[in-house]
Amino acid sequence: EGDLGIVEKTCSTDLQTKADRLAQVSICSS
């Protein structure tokens, strides 16, 4: 889709993307 939706968590090497968020919701909810 081309939009990773990157956010920094604790520092510039500790990142979270839209894929992290969606995959976790999918795994944990399932």
mmCIF file of all heavy atoms, coordinates in Angstrom:
data_MODEL
# 
_entry.id   MODEL 
# 
loop_
_atom_site.group_PDB 
_atom_site.id 
_atom_site.type_symbol 
_atom_site.label_atom_id 
_atom_site.label_alt_id 
_atom_site.label_comp_id 
_atom_site.label_asym_id 
_atom_site.label_entity_id 
_atom_site.label_seq_id 
_atom_site.pdbx_PDB_ins_code 
_atom_site.Cartn_x 
_atom_site.Cartn_y 
_atom_site.Cartn_z 
_atom_site.occupancy 
_atom_site.B_iso_or_equiv 
_atom_site.pdbx_formal_charge 
_atom_site.auth_seq_id 
_atom_site.auth_comp_id 
_atom_site.auth_asym_id 
_atom_site.auth_atom_id 
_atom_site.pdbx_PDB_model_num 
ATOM 1   N N   . GLU A 1 1  ? 0.817  -1.218  0.000  1.00 0.00 ? 1  GLU A N   1 
ATOM 2   C CA  . GLU A 1 1  ? 0.000  0.000   0.000  1.00 0.00 ? 1  GLU A CA  1 
ATOM 3   C C   . GLU A 1 1  ? 0.850  1.267   0.000  1.00 0.00 ? 1  GLU A C   1 
ATOM 4   O O   . GLU A 1 1  ? 0.380  2.334   -0.370 1.00 0.00 ? 1  GLU A O   1 
ATOM 5   C CB  . GLU A 1 1  ? -0.929 0.014   1.217  1.00 0.00 ? 1  GLU A CB  1 
ATOM 6   C CG  . GLU A 1 1  ? -2.094 -0.948  1.097  1.00 0.00 ? 1  GLU A CG  1 
ATOM 7   C CD  . GLU A 1 1  ? -3.117 -0.724  2.194  1.00 0.00 ? 1  GLU A CD  1 
ATOM 8   O OE1 . GLU A 1 1  ? -2.721 -0.429  3.333  1.00 0.00 ? 1  GLU A OE1 1 
ATOM 9   O OE2 . GLU A 1 1  ? -4.317 -0.829  1.907  1.00 0.00 ? 1  GLU A OE2 1 
ATOM 10  N N   . GLY A 1 2  ? 2.097  1.147   0.467  1.00 0.00 ? 2  GLY A N   1 
ATOM 11  C CA  . GLY A 1 2  ? 3.031  2.266   0.357  1.00 0.00 ? 2  GLY A CA  1 
ATOM 12  C C   . GLY A 1 2  ? 3.117  3.205   1.542  1.00 0.00 ? 2  GLY A C   1 
ATOM 13  O O   . GLY A 1 2  ? 4.004  4.051   1.599  1.00 0.00 ? 2  GLY A O   1 
ATOM 14  N N   . ASP A 1 3  ? 2.233  3.087   2.536  1.00 0.00 ? 3  ASP A N   1 
ATOM 15  C CA  . ASP A 1 3  ? 2.298  3.964   3.706  1.00 0.00 ? 3  ASP A CA  1 
ATOM 16  C C   . ASP A 1 3  ? 2.574  3.119   4.938  1.00 0.00 ? 3  ASP A C   1 
ATOM 17  O O   . ASP A 1 3  ? 1.692  2.411   5.430  1.00 0.00 ? 3  ASP A O   1 
ATOM 18  C CB  . ASP A 1 3  ? 0.976  4.728   3.872  1.00 0.00 ? 3  ASP A CB  1 
ATOM 19  C CG  . ASP A 1 3  ? 0.961  5.594   5.123  1.00 0.00 ? 3  ASP A CG  1 
ATOM 20  O OD1 . ASP A 1 3  ? 2.046  5.835   5.689  1.00 0.00 ? 3  ASP A OD1 1 
ATOM 21  O OD2 . ASP A 1 3  ? -0.133 6.029   5.533  1.00 0.00 ? 3  ASP A OD2 1 
ATOM 22  N N   . LEU A 1 4  ? 3.812  3.200   5.455  1.00 0.00 ? 4  LEU A N   1 
ATOM 23  C CA  . LEU A 1 4  ? 4.195  2.349   6.587  1.00 0.00 ? 4  LEU A CA  1 
ATOM 24  C C   . LEU A 1 4  ? 3.706  2.890   7.924  1.00 0.00 ? 4  LEU A C   1 
ATOM 25  O O   . LEU A 1 4  ? 3.696  2.164   8.916  1.00 0.00 ? 4  LEU A O   1 
ATOM 26  C CB  . LEU A 1 4  ? 5.719  2.179   6.631  1.00 0.00 ? 4  LEU A CB  1 
ATOM 27  C CG  . LEU A 1 4  ? 6.359  1.488   5.421  1.00 0.00 ? 4  LEU A CG  1 
ATOM 28  C CD1 . LEU A 1 4  ? 7.831  1.222   5.679  1.00 0.00 ? 4  LEU A CD1 1 
ATOM 29  C CD2 . LEU A 1 4  ? 5.652  0.185   5.082  1.00 0.00 ? 4  LEU A CD2 1 
ATOM 30  N N   . GLY A 1 5  ? 3.331  4.165   7.987  1.00 0.00 ? 5  GLY A N   1 
ATOM 31  C CA  . GLY A 1 5  ? 2.818  4.735   9.239  1.00 0.00 ? 5  GLY A CA  1 
ATOM 32  C C   . GLY A 1 5  ? 3.799  4.611   10.386 1.00 0.00 ? 5  GLY A C   1 
ATOM 33  O O   . GLY A 1 5  ? 3.450  4.146   11.475 1.00 0.00 ? 5  GLY A O   1 
ATOM 34  N N   . ILE A 1 6  ? 5.050  5.039   10.163 1.00 0.00 ? 6  ILE A N   1 
ATOM 35  C CA  . ILE A 1 6  ? 6.124  4.847   11.152 1.00 0.00 ? 6  ILE A CA  1 
ATOM 36  C C   . ILE A 1 6  ? 6.005  5.833   12.313 1.00 0.00 ? 6  ILE A C   1 
ATOM 37  O O   . ILE A 1 6  ? 5.813  7.020   12.109 1.00 0.00 ? 6  ILE A O   1 
ATOM 38  C CB  . ILE A 1 6  ? 7.510  5.033   10.487 1.00 0.00 ? 6  ILE A CB  1 
ATOM 39  C CG1 . ILE A 1 6  ? 7.683  4.031   9.330  1.00 0.00 ? 6  ILE A CG1 1 
ATOM 40  C CG2 . ILE A 1 6  ? 8.635  4.875   11.505 1.00 0.00 ? 6  ILE A CG2 1 
ATOM 41  C CD1 . ILE A 1 6  ? 8.859  4.341   8.422  1.00 0.00 ? 6  ILE A CD1 1 
ATOM 42  N N   . VAL A 1 7  ? 6.121  5.305   13.537 1.00 0.00 ? 7  VAL A N   1 
ATOM 43  C CA  . VAL A 1 7  ? 6.268  6.167   14.717 1.00 0.00 ? 7  VAL A CA  1 
ATOM 44  C C   . VAL A 1 7  ? 7.465  5.669   15.534 1.00 0.00 ? 7  VAL A C   1 
ATOM 45  O O   . VAL A 1 7  ? 7.751  4.477   15.568 1.00 0.00 ? 7  VAL A O   1 
ATOM 46  C CB  . VAL A 1 7  ? 4.993  6.185   15.602 1.00 0.00 ? 7  VAL A CB  1 
ATOM 47  C CG1 . VAL A 1 7  ? 3.828  6.812   14.869 1.00 0.00 ? 7  VAL A CG1 1 
ATOM 48  C CG2 . VAL A 1 7  ? 4.618  4.779   16.074 1.00 0.00 ? 7  VAL A CG2 1 
ATOM 49  N N   . GLU A 1 8  ? 8.172  6.615   16.172 1.00 0.00 ? 8  GLU A N   1 
ATOM 50  C CA  . GLU A 1 8  ? 9.262  6.247   17.089 1.00 0.00 ? 8  GLU A CA  1 
ATOM 51  C C   . GLU A 1 8  ? 8.659  5.925   18.447 1.00 0.00 ? 8  GLU A C   1 
ATOM 52  O O   . GLU A 1 8  ? 7.791  6.639   18.931 1.00 0.00 ? 8  GLU A O   1 
ATOM 53  C CB  . GLU A 1 8  ? 10.260 7.407   17.231 1.00 0.00 ? 8  GLU A CB  1 
ATOM 54  C CG  . GLU A 1 8  ? 11.169 7.571   16.039 1.00 0.00 ? 8  GLU A CG  1 
ATOM 55  C CD  . GLU A 1 8  ? 12.277 8.600   16.296 1.00 0.00 ? 8  GLU A CD  1 
ATOM 56  O OE1 . GLU A 1 8  ? 12.510 8.939   17.478 1.00 0.00 ? 8  GLU A OE1 1 
ATOM 57  O OE2 . GLU A 1 8  ? 12.882 9.060   15.324 1.00 0.00 ? 8  GLU A OE2 1 
ATOM 58  N N   . LYS A 1 9  ? 9.156  4.855   19.082 1.00 0.00 ? 9  LYS A N   1 
ATOM 59  C CA  . LYS A 1 9  ? 8.677  4.502   20.421 1.00 0.00 ? 9  LYS A CA  1 
ATOM 60  C C   . LYS A 1 9  ? 9.594  5.131   21.475 1.00 0.00 ? 9  LYS A C   1 
ATOM 61  O O   . LYS A 1 9  ? 9.250  6.120   22.092 1.00 0.00 ? 9  LYS A O   1 
ATOM 62  C CB  . LYS A 1 9  ? 8.584  2.984   20.576 1.00 0.00 ? 9  LYS A CB  1 
ATOM 63  C CG  . LYS A 1 9  ? 7.497  2.381   19.684 1.00 0.00 ? 9  LYS A CG  1 
ATOM 64  C CD  . LYS A 1 9  ? 7.095  0.981   20.105 1.00 0.00 ? 9  LYS A CD  1 
ATOM 65  C CE  . LYS A 1 9  ? 8.164  -0.041  19.750 1.00 0.00 ? 9  LYS A CE  1 
ATOM 66  N NZ  . LYS A 1 9  ? 7.717  -1.426  19.995 1.00 0.00 ? 9  LYS A NZ  1 
ATOM 67  N N   . THR A 1 10 ? 10.772 4.571   21.679 1.00 0.00 ? 10 THR A N   1 
ATOM 68  C CA  . THR A 1 10 ? 11.680 5.110   22.703 1.00 0.00 ? 10 THR A CA  1 
ATOM 69  C C   . THR A 1 10 ? 12.865 5.858   22.107 1.00 0.00 ? 10 THR A C   1 
ATOM 70  O O   . THR A 1 10 ? 13.470 6.686   22.760 1.00 0.00 ? 10 THR A O   1 
ATOM 71  C CB  . THR A 1 10 ? 12.210 3.983   23.603 1.00 0.00 ? 10 THR A CB  1 
ATOM 72  O OG1 . THR A 1 10 ? 12.907 3.023   22.784 1.00 0.00 ? 10 THR A OG1 1 
ATOM 73  C CG2 . THR A 1 10 ? 11.074 3.285   24.327 1.00 0.00 ? 10 THR A CG2 1 
ATOM 74  N N   . CYS A 1 11 ? 13.220 5.529   20.840 1.00 0.00 ? 11 CYS A N   1 
ATOM 75  C CA  . CYS A 1 11 ? 14.350 6.191   20.187 1.00 0.00 ? 11 CYS A CA  1 
ATOM 76  C C   . CYS A 1 11 ? 14.278 5.929   18.688 1.00 0.00 ? 11 CYS A C   1 
ATOM 77  O O   . CYS A 1 11 ? 13.386 5.224   18.216 1.00 0.00 ? 11 CYS A O   1 
ATOM 78  C CB  . CYS A 1 11 ? 15.688 5.681   20.754 1.00 0.00 ? 11 CYS A CB  1 
ATOM 79  S SG  . CYS A 1 11 ? 15.968 3.929   20.436 1.00 0.00 ? 11 CYS A SG  1 
ATOM 80  N N   . SER A 1 12 ? 15.258 6.474   17.948 1.00 0.00 ? 12 SER A N   1 
ATOM 81  C CA  . SER A 1 12 ? 15.204 6.393   16.478 1.00 0.00 ? 12 SER A CA  1 
ATOM 82  C C   . SER A 1 12 ? 15.396 4.987   15.937 1.00 0.00 ? 12 SER A C   1 
ATOM 83  O O   . SER A 1 12 ? 15.100 4.714   14.776 1.00 0.00 ? 12 SER A O   1 
ATOM 84  C CB  . SER A 1 12 ? 16.254 7.327   15.865 1.00 0.00 ? 12 SER A CB  1 
ATOM 85  O OG  . SER A 1 12 ? 17.543 6.925   16.279 1.00 0.00 ? 12 SER A OG  1 
ATOM 86  N N   . THR A 1 13 ? 15.915 4.055   16.773 1.00 0.00 ? 13 THR A N   1 
ATOM 87  C CA  . THR A 1 13 ? 16.061 2.671   16.308 1.00 0.00 ? 13 THR A CA  1 
ATOM 88  C C   . THR A 1 13 ? 14.939 1.774   16.848 1.00 0.00 ? 13 THR A C   1 
ATOM 89  O O   . THR A 1 13 ? 14.892 0.591   16.555 1.00 0.00 ? 13 THR A O   1 
ATOM 90  C CB  . THR A 1 13 ? 17.422 2.075   16.719 1.00 0.00 ? 13 THR A CB  1 
ATOM 91  O OG1 . THR A 1 13 ? 17.550 2.142   18.142 1.00 0.00 ? 13 THR A OG1 1 
ATOM 92  C CG2 . THR A 1 13 ? 18.571 2.815   16.067 1.00 0.00 ? 13 THR A CG2 1 
ATOM 93  N N   . ASP A 1 14 ? 14.053 2.343   17.671 1.00 0.00 ? 14 ASP A N   1 
ATOM 94  C CA  . ASP A 1 14 ? 12.939 1.589   18.245 1.00 0.00 ? 14 ASP A CA  1 
ATOM 95  C C   . ASP A 1 14 ? 11.650 2.093   17.589 1.00 0.00 ? 14 ASP A C   1 
ATOM 96  O O   . ASP A 1 14 ? 11.023 3.039   18.053 1.00 0.00 ? 14 ASP A O   1 
ATOM 97  C CB  . ASP A 1 14 ? 12.898 1.804   19.764 1.00 0.00 ? 14 ASP A CB  1 
ATOM 98  C CG  . ASP A 1 14 ? 11.860 0.916   20.443 1.00 0.00 ? 14 ASP A CG  1 
ATOM 99  O OD1 . ASP A 1 14 ? 11.385 -0.050  19.806 1.00 0.00 ? 14 ASP A OD1 1 
ATOM 100 O OD2 . ASP A 1 14 ? 11.522 1.197   21.608 1.00 0.00 ? 14 ASP A OD2 1 
ATOM 101 N N   . LEU A 1 15 ? 11.297 1.440   16.490 1.00 0.00 ? 15 LEU A N   1 
ATOM 102 C CA  . LEU A 1 15 ? 10.213 1.938   15.648 1.00 0.00 ? 15 LEU A CA  1 
ATOM 103 C C   . LEU A 1 15 ? 8.977  1.039   15.714 1.00 0.00 ? 15 LEU A C   1 
ATOM 104 O O   . LEU A 1 15 ? 9.055  -0.138  16.059 1.00 0.00 ? 15 LEU A O   1 
ATOM 105 C CB  . LEU A 1 15 ? 10.684 2.033   14.192 1.00 0.00 ? 15 LEU A CB  1 
ATOM 106 C CG  . LEU A 1 15 ? 11.942 2.867   13.920 1.00 0.00 ? 15 LEU A CG  1 
ATOM 107 C CD1 . LEU A 1 15 ? 12.311 2.779   12.452 1.00 0.00 ? 15 LEU A CD1 1 
ATOM 108 C CD2 . LEU A 1 15 ? 11.740 4.310   14.347 1.00 0.00 ? 15 LEU A CD2 1 
ATOM 109 N N   . GLN A 1 16 ? 7.846  1.647   15.351 1.00 0.00 ? 16 GLN A N   1 
ATOM 110 C CA  . GLN A 1 16 ? 6.609  0.889   15.197 1.00 0.00 ? 16 GLN A CA  1 
ATOM 111 C C   . GLN A 1 16 ? 5.961  1.339   13.887 1.00 0.00 ? 16 GLN A C   1 
ATOM 112 O O   . GLN A 1 16 ? 5.991  2.523   13.556 1.00 0.00 ? 16 GLN A O   1 
ATOM 113 C CB  . GLN A 1 16 ? 5.673  1.176   16.371 1.00 0.00 ? 16 GLN A CB  1 
ATOM 114 C CG  . GLN A 1 16 ? 4.375  0.382   16.344 1.00 0.00 ? 16 GLN A CG  1 
ATOM 115 C CD  . GLN A 1 16 ? 3.354  0.978   17.304 1.00 0.00 ? 16 GLN A CD  1 
ATOM 116 O OE1 . GLN A 1 16 ? 2.645  1.923   16.976 1.00 0.00 ? 16 GLN A OE1 1 
ATOM 117 N NE2 . GLN A 1 16 ? 3.299  0.430   18.504 1.00 0.00 ? 16 GLN A NE2 1 
ATOM 118 N N   . THR A 1 17 ? 5.424  0.396   13.134 1.00 0.00 ? 17 THR A N   1 
ATOM 119 C CA  . THR A 1 17 ? 4.756  0.730   11.879 1.00 0.00 ? 17 THR A CA  1 
ATOM 120 C C   . THR A 1 17 ? 3.298  0.280   11.924 1.00 0.00 ? 17 THR A C   1 
ATOM 121 O O   . THR A 1 17 ? 2.873  -0.429  12.837 1.00 0.00 ? 17 THR A O   1 
ATOM 122 C CB  . THR A 1 17 ? 5.430  0.030   10.679 1.00 0.00 ? 17 THR A CB  1 
ATOM 123 O OG1 . THR A 1 17 ? 5.179  -1.384  10.779 1.00 0.00 ? 17 THR A OG1 1 
ATOM 124 C CG2 . THR A 1 17 ? 6.932  0.296   10.628 1.00 0.00 ? 17 THR A CG2 1 
ATOM 125 N N   . LYS A 1 18 ? 2.574  0.680   10.895 1.00 0.00 ? 18 LYS A N   1 
ATOM 126 C CA  . LYS A 1 18 ? 1.188  0.229   10.737 1.00 0.00 ? 18 LYS A CA  1 
ATOM 127 C C   . LYS A 1 18 ? 1.130  -1.303  10.708 1.00 0.00 ? 18 LYS A C   1 
ATOM 128 O O   . LYS A 1 18 ? 0.192  -1.918  11.221 1.00 0.00 ? 18 LYS A O   1 
ATOM 129 C CB  . LYS A 1 18 ? 0.633  0.815   9.435  1.00 0.00 ? 18 LYS A CB  1 
ATOM 130 C CG  . LYS A 1 18 ? -0.805 0.476   9.136  1.00 0.00 ? 18 LYS A CG  1 
ATOM 131 C CD  . LYS A 1 18 ? -1.235 1.117   7.815  1.00 0.00 ? 18 LYS A CD  1 
ATOM 132 C CE  . LYS A 1 18 ? -2.647 0.723   7.436  1.00 0.00 ? 18 LYS A CE  1 
ATOM 133 N NZ  . LYS A 1 18 ? -3.018 1.296   6.122  1.00 0.00 ? 18 LYS A NZ  1 
ATOM 134 N N   . ALA A 1 19 ? 2.169  -1.929  10.128 1.00 0.00 ? 19 ALA A N   1 
ATOM 135 C CA  . ALA A 1 19 ? 2.200  -3.401  10.054 1.00 0.00 ? 19 ALA A CA  1 
ATOM 136 C C   . ALA A 1 19 ? 2.330  -4.019  11.445 1.00 0.00 ? 19 ALA A C   1 
ATOM 137 O O   . ALA A 1 19 ? 1.675  -5.025  11.747 1.00 0.00 ? 19 ALA A O   1 
ATOM 138 C CB  . ALA A 1 19 ? 3.352  -3.860  9.154  1.00 0.00 ? 19 ALA A CB  1 
ATOM 139 N N   . ASP A 1 20 ? 3.189  -3.427  12.317 1.00 0.00 ? 20 ASP A N   1 
ATOM 140 C CA  . ASP A 1 20 ? 3.300  -3.911  13.702 1.00 0.00 ? 20 ASP A CA  1 
ATOM 141 C C   . ASP A 1 20 ? 1.932  -3.867  14.375 1.00 0.00 ? 20 ASP A C   1 
ATOM 142 O O   . ASP A 1 20 ? 1.519  -4.827  15.040 1.00 0.00 ? 20 ASP A O   1 
ATOM 143 C CB  . ASP A 1 20 ? 4.251  -3.018  14.516 1.00 0.00 ? 20 ASP A CB  1 
ATOM 144 C CG  . ASP A 1 20 ? 5.696  -3.069  14.063 1.00 0.00 ? 20 ASP A CG  1 
ATOM 145 O OD1 . ASP A 1 20 ? 6.046  -2.346  13.110 1.00 0.00 ? 20 ASP A OD1 1 
ATOM 146 O OD2 . ASP A 1 20 ? 6.466  -3.829  14.657 1.00 0.00 ? 20 ASP A OD2 1 
ATOM 147 N N   . ARG A 1 21 ? 1.258  -2.725  14.218 1.00 0.00 ? 21 ARG A N   1 
ATOM 148 C CA  . ARG A 1 21 ? -0.015 -2.511  14.913 1.00 0.00 ? 21 ARG A CA  1 
ATOM 149 C C   . ARG A 1 21 ? -1.100 -3.464  14.413 1.00 0.00 ? 21 ARG A C   1 
ATOM 150 O O   . ARG A 1 21 ? -1.770 -4.135  15.204 1.00 0.00 ? 21 ARG A O   1 
ATOM 151 C CB  . ARG A 1 21 ? -0.454 -1.046  14.757 1.00 0.00 ? 21 ARG A CB  1 
ATOM 152 C CG  . ARG A 1 21 ? 0.525  -0.065  15.400 1.00 0.00 ? 21 ARG A CG  1 
ATOM 153 C CD  . ARG A 1 21 ? 0.013  1.363   15.387 1.00 0.00 ? 21 ARG A CD  1 
ATOM 154 N NE  . ARG A 1 21 ? 0.039  2.010   14.082 1.00 0.00 ? 21 ARG A NE  1 
ATOM 155 C CZ  . ARG A 1 21 ? 1.088  2.631   13.549 1.00 0.00 ? 21 ARG A CZ  1 
ATOM 156 N NH1 . ARG A 1 21 ? 2.248  2.651   14.195 1.00 0.00 ? 21 ARG A NH1 1 
ATOM 157 N NH2 . ARG A 1 21 ? 1.014  3.224   12.367 1.00 0.00 ? 21 ARG A NH2 1 
ATOM 158 N N   . LEU A 1 22 ? -1.278 -3.531  13.102 1.00 0.00 ? 22 LEU A N   1 
ATOM 159 C CA  . LEU A 1 22 ? -2.325 -4.391  12.537 1.00 0.00 ? 22 LEU A CA  1 
ATOM 160 C C   . LEU A 1 22 ? -2.046 -5.872  12.791 1.00 0.00 ? 22 LEU A C   1 
ATOM 161 O O   . LEU A 1 22 ? -2.964 -6.643  13.117 1.00 0.00 ? 22 LEU A O   1 
ATOM 162 C CB  . LEU A 1 22 ? -2.461 -4.151  11.036 1.00 0.00 ? 22 LEU A CB  1 
ATOM 163 C CG  . LEU A 1 22 ? -3.081 -2.823  10.600 1.00 0.00 ? 22 LEU A CG  1 
ATOM 164 C CD1 . LEU A 1 22 ? -3.074 -2.714  9.081  1.00 0.00 ? 22 LEU A CD1 1 
ATOM 165 C CD2 . LEU A 1 22 ? -4.510 -2.686  11.128 1.00 0.00 ? 22 LEU A CD2 1 
ATOM 166 N N   . ALA A 1 23 ? -0.780 -6.283  12.641 1.00 0.00 ? 23 ALA A N   1 
ATOM 167 C CA  . ALA A 1 23 ? -0.435 -7.696  12.845 1.00 0.00 ? 23 ALA A CA  1 
ATOM 168 C C   . ALA A 1 23 ? -0.661 -8.100  14.299 1.00 0.00 ? 23 ALA A C   1 
ATOM 169 O O   . ALA A 1 23 ? -1.150 -9.198  14.577 1.00 0.00 ? 23 ALA A O   1 
ATOM 170 C CB  . ALA A 1 23 ? 1.009  -7.958  12.429 1.00 0.00 ? 23 ALA A CB  1 
ATOM 171 N N   . GLN A 1 24 ? -0.320 -7.211  15.234 1.00 0.00 ? 24 GLN A N   1 
ATOM 172 C CA  . GLN A 1 24 ? -0.547 -7.561  16.647 1.00 0.00 ? 24 GLN A CA  1 
ATOM 173 C C   . GLN A 1 24 ? -2.036 -7.681  16.951 1.00 0.00 ? 24 GLN A C   1 
ATOM 174 O O   . GLN A 1 24 ? -2.452 -8.615  17.628 1.00 0.00 ? 24 GLN A O   1 
ATOM 175 C CB  . GLN A 1 24 ? 0.093  -6.552  17.596 1.00 0.00 ? 24 GLN A CB  1 
ATOM 176 C CG  . GLN A 1 24 ? -0.250 -6.885  19.052 1.00 0.00 ? 24 GLN A CG  1 
ATOM 177 C CD  . GLN A 1 24 ? 0.732  -6.377  20.050 1.00 0.00 ? 24 GLN A CD  1 
ATOM 178 O OE1 . GLN A 1 24 ? 1.934  -6.526  19.886 1.00 0.00 ? 24 GLN A OE1 1 
ATOM 179 N NE2 . GLN A 1 24 ? 0.241  -5.761  21.105 1.00 0.00 ? 24 GLN A NE2 1 
ATOM 180 N N   . VAL A 1 25 ? -2.830 -6.738  16.471 1.00 0.00 ? 25 VAL A N   1 
ATOM 181 C CA  . VAL A 1 25 ? -4.284 -6.819  16.693 1.00 0.00 ? 25 VAL A CA  1 
ATOM 182 C C   . VAL A 1 25 ? -4.828 -8.128  16.113 1.00 0.00 ? 25 VAL A C   1 
ATOM 183 O O   . VAL A 1 25 ? -5.620 -8.834  16.747 1.00 0.00 ? 25 VAL A O   1 
ATOM 184 C CB  . VAL A 1 25 ? -5.015 -5.606  16.068 1.00 0.00 ? 25 VAL A CB  1 
ATOM 185 C CG1 . VAL A 1 25 ? -6.522 -5.820  16.072 1.00 0.00 ? 25 VAL A CG1 1 
ATOM 186 C CG2 . VAL A 1 25 ? -4.659 -4.334  16.824 1.00 0.00 ? 25 VAL A CG2 1 
ATOM 187 N N   . SER A 1 26 ? -4.367 -8.474  14.915 1.00 0.00 ? 26 SER A N   1 
ATOM 188 C CA  . SER A 1 26 ? -4.812 -9.709  14.258 1.00 0.00 ? 26 SER A CA  1 
ATOM 189 C C   . SER A 1 26 ? -4.444 -10.944 15.087 1.00 0.00 ? 26 SER A C   1 
ATOM 190 O O   . SER A 1 26 ? -5.294 -11.801 15.366 1.00 0.00 ? 26 SER A O   1 
ATOM 191 C CB  . SER A 1 26 ? -4.189 -9.805  12.864 1.00 0.00 ? 26 SER A CB  1 
ATOM 192 O OG  . SER A 1 26 ? -4.501 -11.047 12.267 1.00 0.00 ? 26 SER A OG  1 
ATOM 193 N N   . ILE A 1 27 ? -3.173 -11.018 15.498 1.00 0.00 ? 27 ILE A N   1 
ATOM 194 C CA  . ILE A 1 27 ? -2.697 -12.196 16.243 1.00 0.00 ? 27 ILE A CA  1 
ATOM 195 C C   . ILE A 1 27 ? -3.403 -12.315 17.593 1.00 0.00 ? 27 ILE A C   1 
ATOM 196 O O   . ILE A 1 27 ? -3.967 -13.363 17.933 1.00 0.00 ? 27 ILE A O   1 
ATOM 197 C CB  . ILE A 1 27 ? -1.168 -12.123 16.453 1.00 0.00 ? 27 ILE A CB  1 
ATOM 198 C CG1 . ILE A 1 27 ? -0.426 -12.233 15.118 1.00 0.00 ? 27 ILE A CG1 1 
ATOM 199 C CG2 . ILE A 1 27 ? -0.713 -13.248 17.394 1.00 0.00 ? 27 ILE A CG2 1 
ATOM 200 C CD1 . ILE A 1 27 ? 1.049  -11.850 15.201 1.00 0.00 ? 27 ILE A CD1 1 
ATOM 201 N N   . CYS A 1 28 ? -3.356 -11.234 18.375 1.00 0.00 ? 28 CYS A N   1 
ATOM 202 C CA  . CYS A 1 28 ? -3.888 -11.297 19.741 1.00 0.00 ? 28 CYS A CA  1 
ATOM 203 C C   . CYS A 1 28 ? -5.396 -11.493 19.766 1.00 0.00 ? 28 CYS A C   1 
ATOM 204 O O   . CYS A 1 28 ? -5.925 -12.274 20.567 1.00 0.00 ? 28 CYS A O   1 
ATOM 205 C CB  . CYS A 1 28 ? -3.474 -10.055 20.526 1.00 0.00 ? 28 CYS A CB  1 
ATOM 206 S SG  . CYS A 1 28 ? -1.676 -9.948  20.764 1.00 0.00 ? 28 CYS A SG  1 
ATOM 207 N N   . SER A 1 29 ? -6.100 -10.814 18.866 1.00 0.00 ? 29 SER A N   1 
ATOM 208 C CA  . SER A 1 29 ? -7.567 -10.954 18.821 1.00 0.00 ? 29 SER A CA  1 
ATOM 209 C C   . SER A 1 29 ? -7.973 -12.348 18.353 1.00 0.00 ? 29 SER A C   1 
ATOM 210 O O   . SER A 1 29 ? -8.906 -12.955 18.889 1.00 0.00 ? 29 SER A O   1 
ATOM 211 C CB  . SER A 1 29 ? -8.179 -9.897  17.897 1.00 0.00 ? 29 SER A CB  1 
ATOM 212 O OG  . SER A 1 29 ? -7.839 -8.601  18.341 1.00 0.00 ? 29 SER A OG  1 
ATOM 213 N N   . SER A 1 30 ? -7.275 -12.860 17.350 1.00 0.00 ? 30 SER A N   1 
ATOM 214 C CA  . SER A 1 30 ? -7.593 -14.197 16.830 1.00 0.00 ? 30 SER A CA  1 
ATOM 215 C C   . SER A 1 30 ? -7.356 -15.265 17.890 1.00 0.00 ? 30 SER A C   1 
ATOM 216 O O   . SER A 1 30 ? -8.170 -16.179 18.072 1.00 0.00 ? 30 SER A O   1 
ATOM 217 C CB  . SER A 1 30 ? -6.755 -14.490 15.580 1.00 0.00 ? 30 SER A CB  1 
ATOM 218 O OG  . SER A 1 30 ? -7.020 -13.554 14.552 1.00 0.00 ? 30 SER A OG  1 
# 
